[in-house]
Amino acid sequence: TNAVVCTCITGFTNTGTDDSVVCTDTCTINNGGCNPSAACTHDTATNAVVCTCKTGFTNTGTAANVVCQGTLIDCRT
């Protein structure tokens, strides 16, 4: 048969069904799988999800597995 198969491009997730594909920005679903203390964006070349720690947090994981830990600042000085 010549059935049309629709799939979402990288960076988007099907939130519909196989028969009724609805492509939704992956960053809007559970923060794209990023740490809650990270911002979810897309790589400009591949559109893949990129997780970047927010201000005040440092990545203690890897580029592929971002783990954001709070940075403590001594305010007593």
N, C-alpha and C. Protein backbone atom coordinates (compact mmCIF):
# COMPACT_ATOMS: atom_id res chain seq x y z
N THR A 1 0.83 -1.19 0.00
CA THR A 1 0.00 0.00 0.00
C THR A 1 0.87 1.25 0.00
N ASN A 2 0.26 2.35 -0.30
CA ASN A 2 0.95 3.64 -0.31
C ASN A 2 0.52 4.50 0.87
N ALA A 3 0.42 3.89 2.04
CA ALA A 3 -0.02 4.62 3.22
C ALA A 3 1.01 5.67 3.61
N VAL A 4 0.51 6.82 4.02
CA VAL A 4 1.37 7.89 4.47
C VAL A 4 1.66 7.68 5.95
N VAL A 5 2.94 7.76 6.32
CA VAL A 5 3.34 7.63 7.71
C VAL A 5 3.93 8.96 8.15
N CYS A 6 3.32 9.54 9.18
CA CYS A 6 3.79 10.82 9.68
C CYS A 6 4.58 10.61 10.96
N THR A 7 5.72 11.28 11.06
CA THR A 7 6.53 11.25 12.27
C THR A 7 6.97 12.66 12.59
N CYS A 8 7.26 12.89 13.84
CA CYS A 8 7.72 14.21 14.27
C CYS A 8 9.23 14.33 14.06
N ILE A 9 9.67 15.54 13.74
CA ILE A 9 11.09 15.78 13.58
C ILE A 9 11.76 15.78 14.96
N THR A 10 13.07 15.66 14.98
CA THR A 10 13.83 15.70 16.23
C THR A 10 13.48 16.95 17.01
N GLY A 11 13.30 16.78 18.32
CA GLY A 11 12.95 17.91 19.19
C GLY A 11 11.46 18.03 19.42
N PHE A 12 10.69 17.19 18.74
CA PHE A 12 9.24 17.19 18.90
C PHE A 12 8.78 15.77 19.21
N THR A 13 7.70 15.65 19.98
CA THR A 13 7.17 14.36 20.41
C THR A 13 5.72 14.25 19.97
N ASN A 14 5.34 13.07 19.51
CA ASN A 14 3.95 12.84 19.12
C ASN A 14 3.10 12.72 20.37
N THR A 15 2.22 13.70 20.57
CA THR A 15 1.29 13.64 21.70
C THR A 15 -0.10 13.21 21.25
N GLY A 16 -0.20 12.83 19.99
CA GLY A 16 -1.46 12.31 19.46
C GLY A 16 -1.41 10.80 19.40
N THR A 17 -1.91 10.25 18.31
CA THR A 17 -1.92 8.80 18.10
C THR A 17 -1.15 8.50 16.83
N ASP A 18 -0.97 7.21 16.54
CA ASP A 18 -0.30 6.83 15.29
C ASP A 18 -1.09 7.30 14.08
N ASP A 19 -2.42 7.33 14.20
CA ASP A 19 -3.28 7.74 13.09
C ASP A 19 -3.47 9.25 13.01
N SER A 20 -3.29 9.93 14.13
CA SER A 20 -3.49 11.37 14.19
C SER A 20 -2.31 12.00 14.94
N VAL A 21 -1.22 12.16 14.22
CA VAL A 21 0.03 12.64 14.81
C VAL A 21 -0.08 14.13 15.15
N VAL A 22 0.28 14.45 16.39
CA VAL A 22 0.34 15.85 16.85
C VAL A 22 1.74 16.06 17.40
N CYS A 23 2.54 16.85 16.72
CA CYS A 23 3.93 17.08 17.13
C CYS A 23 3.99 18.26 18.09
N THR A 24 4.49 17.99 19.30
CA THR A 24 4.58 18.99 20.35
C THR A 24 6.04 19.18 20.72
N ASP A 25 6.45 20.43 20.93
CA ASP A 25 7.81 20.75 21.34
C ASP A 25 8.15 19.92 22.58
N THR A 26 9.19 19.10 22.48
CA THR A 26 9.58 18.22 23.58
C THR A 26 9.88 19.00 24.85
N CYS A 27 10.37 20.22 24.75
CA CYS A 27 10.68 21.02 25.94
C CYS A 27 9.44 21.37 26.75
N THR A 28 8.27 21.31 26.14
CA THR A 28 7.03 21.63 26.87
C THR A 28 6.47 20.41 27.58
N ILE A 29 7.09 19.25 27.40
CA ILE A 29 6.65 18.01 28.04
C ILE A 29 7.70 17.61 29.07
N ASN A 30 7.37 17.73 30.34
CA ASN A 30 8.29 17.35 31.42
C ASN A 30 9.66 18.00 31.25
N ASN A 31 9.66 19.27 30.83
CA ASN A 31 10.91 20.04 30.64
C ASN A 31 11.89 19.32 29.72
N GLY A 32 11.38 18.55 28.78
CA GLY A 32 12.23 17.87 27.80
C GLY A 32 13.08 16.77 28.40
N GLY A 33 12.77 16.36 29.62
CA GLY A 33 13.59 15.37 30.30
C GLY A 33 14.77 16.00 31.02
N CYS A 34 14.85 17.33 30.99
CA CYS A 34 15.95 18.03 31.66
C CYS A 34 15.70 18.09 33.16
N ASN A 35 16.77 18.27 33.91
CA ASN A 35 16.73 18.47 35.34
C ASN A 35 15.81 19.65 35.64
N PRO A 36 15.05 19.62 36.73
CA PRO A 36 14.16 20.75 37.05
C PRO A 36 14.88 22.09 37.19
N SER A 37 16.18 22.05 37.48
CA SER A 37 16.97 23.27 37.63
C SER A 37 17.69 23.63 36.33
N ALA A 38 17.24 23.06 35.23
CA ALA A 38 17.85 23.32 33.92
C ALA A 38 16.82 23.91 32.96
N ALA A 39 17.31 24.66 32.01
CA ALA A 39 16.48 25.18 30.94
C ALA A 39 16.56 24.22 29.76
N CYS A 40 15.45 23.99 29.11
CA CYS A 40 15.39 23.13 27.94
C CYS A 40 15.35 23.99 26.68
N THR A 41 16.29 23.76 25.78
CA THR A 41 16.32 24.46 24.48
C THR A 41 16.61 23.42 23.41
N HIS A 42 16.78 23.88 22.18
CA HIS A 42 17.09 22.98 21.08
C HIS A 42 18.39 23.38 20.39
N ASP A 43 19.18 22.38 20.01
CA ASP A 43 20.40 22.61 19.25
C ASP A 43 20.01 23.23 17.91
N THR A 44 20.69 24.29 17.52
CA THR A 44 20.32 24.99 16.29
C THR A 44 20.58 24.16 15.03
N ALA A 45 21.52 23.24 15.08
CA ALA A 45 21.84 22.44 13.89
C ALA A 45 20.97 21.19 13.80
N THR A 46 20.76 20.50 14.93
CA THR A 46 20.07 19.21 14.89
C THR A 46 18.65 19.26 15.46
N ASN A 47 18.32 20.33 16.18
CA ASN A 47 17.04 20.50 16.86
C ASN A 47 16.87 19.55 18.04
N ALA A 48 17.93 18.83 18.40
CA ALA A 48 17.87 17.93 19.56
C ALA A 48 17.74 18.75 20.84
N VAL A 49 17.17 18.15 21.87
CA VAL A 49 17.02 18.82 23.17
C VAL A 49 18.39 19.07 23.79
N VAL A 50 18.56 20.27 24.34
CA VAL A 50 19.78 20.64 25.06
C VAL A 50 19.36 21.15 26.43
N CYS A 51 19.95 20.57 27.48
CA CYS A 51 19.66 20.98 28.85
C CYS A 51 20.83 21.83 29.35
N THR A 52 20.53 23.00 29.89
CA THR A 52 21.54 23.92 30.41
C THR A 52 21.12 24.36 31.80
N CYS A 53 22.03 24.20 32.77
CA CYS A 53 21.71 24.59 34.14
C CYS A 53 21.41 26.08 34.23
N LYS A 54 20.41 26.41 35.04
CA LYS A 54 20.02 27.79 35.25
C LYS A 54 21.07 28.49 36.11
N THR A 55 21.02 29.82 36.15
CA THR A 55 21.93 30.62 36.95
C THR A 55 21.88 30.16 38.40
N GLY A 56 23.05 30.00 39.00
CA GLY A 56 23.14 29.54 40.39
C GLY A 56 23.27 28.04 40.52
N PHE A 57 23.27 27.33 39.39
CA PHE A 57 23.40 25.88 39.39
C PHE A 57 24.56 25.48 38.49
N THR A 58 25.22 24.38 38.83
CA THR A 58 26.37 23.88 38.07
C THR A 58 26.08 22.45 37.64
N ASN A 59 26.48 22.11 36.42
CA ASN A 59 26.31 20.75 35.91
C ASN A 59 27.37 19.85 36.53
N THR A 60 26.94 18.91 37.36
CA THR A 60 27.86 17.96 37.96
C THR A 60 27.80 16.61 37.24
N GLY A 61 27.02 16.56 36.18
CA GLY A 61 26.92 15.34 35.37
C GLY A 61 27.78 15.47 34.12
N THR A 62 27.25 15.04 33.00
CA THR A 62 27.94 15.13 31.72
C THR A 62 27.10 15.97 30.76
N ALA A 63 27.64 16.23 29.58
CA ALA A 63 26.88 16.99 28.58
C ALA A 63 25.62 16.22 28.17
N ALA A 64 25.72 14.90 28.14
CA ALA A 64 24.58 14.07 27.73
C ALA A 64 23.61 13.81 28.89
N ASN A 65 24.08 13.93 30.11
CA ASN A 65 23.24 13.67 31.30
C ASN A 65 23.45 14.81 32.29
N VAL A 66 22.78 15.92 32.05
CA VAL A 66 22.95 17.13 32.86
C VAL A 66 22.31 16.94 34.23
N VAL A 67 23.11 17.17 35.28
CA VAL A 67 22.65 17.12 36.66
C VAL A 67 23.00 18.47 37.29
N CYS A 68 22.01 19.27 37.60
CA CYS A 68 22.25 20.62 38.11
C CYS A 68 22.22 20.62 39.63
N GLN A 69 23.32 21.07 40.22
CA GLN A 69 23.44 21.20 41.67
C GLN A 69 23.56 22.67 42.00
N GLY A 70 22.90 23.10 43.07
CA GLY A 70 22.97 24.49 43.50
C GLY A 70 24.38 24.88 43.90
N THR A 71 24.76 26.10 43.56
CA THR A 71 26.06 26.63 43.93
C THR A 71 25.88 27.47 45.18
N LEU A 72 26.55 27.08 46.24
CA LEU A 72 26.44 27.81 47.50
C LEU A 72 27.35 29.02 47.49
N ILE A 73 26.83 30.14 47.94
CA ILE A 73 27.60 31.38 48.01
C ILE A 73 27.60 31.84 49.46
N ASP A 74 28.79 32.11 49.98
CA ASP A 74 28.89 32.62 51.35
C ASP A 74 28.65 34.12 51.33
N CYS A 75 27.53 34.54 51.87
CA CYS A 75 27.14 35.96 51.84
C CYS A 75 27.61 36.71 53.09
N ARG A 76 28.39 36.06 53.94
CA ARG A 76 28.83 36.68 55.19
C ARG A 76 30.04 37.59 55.00
N THR A 77 30.59 37.66 53.83
CA THR A 77 31.79 38.48 53.65
C THR A 77 31.46 39.91 53.35
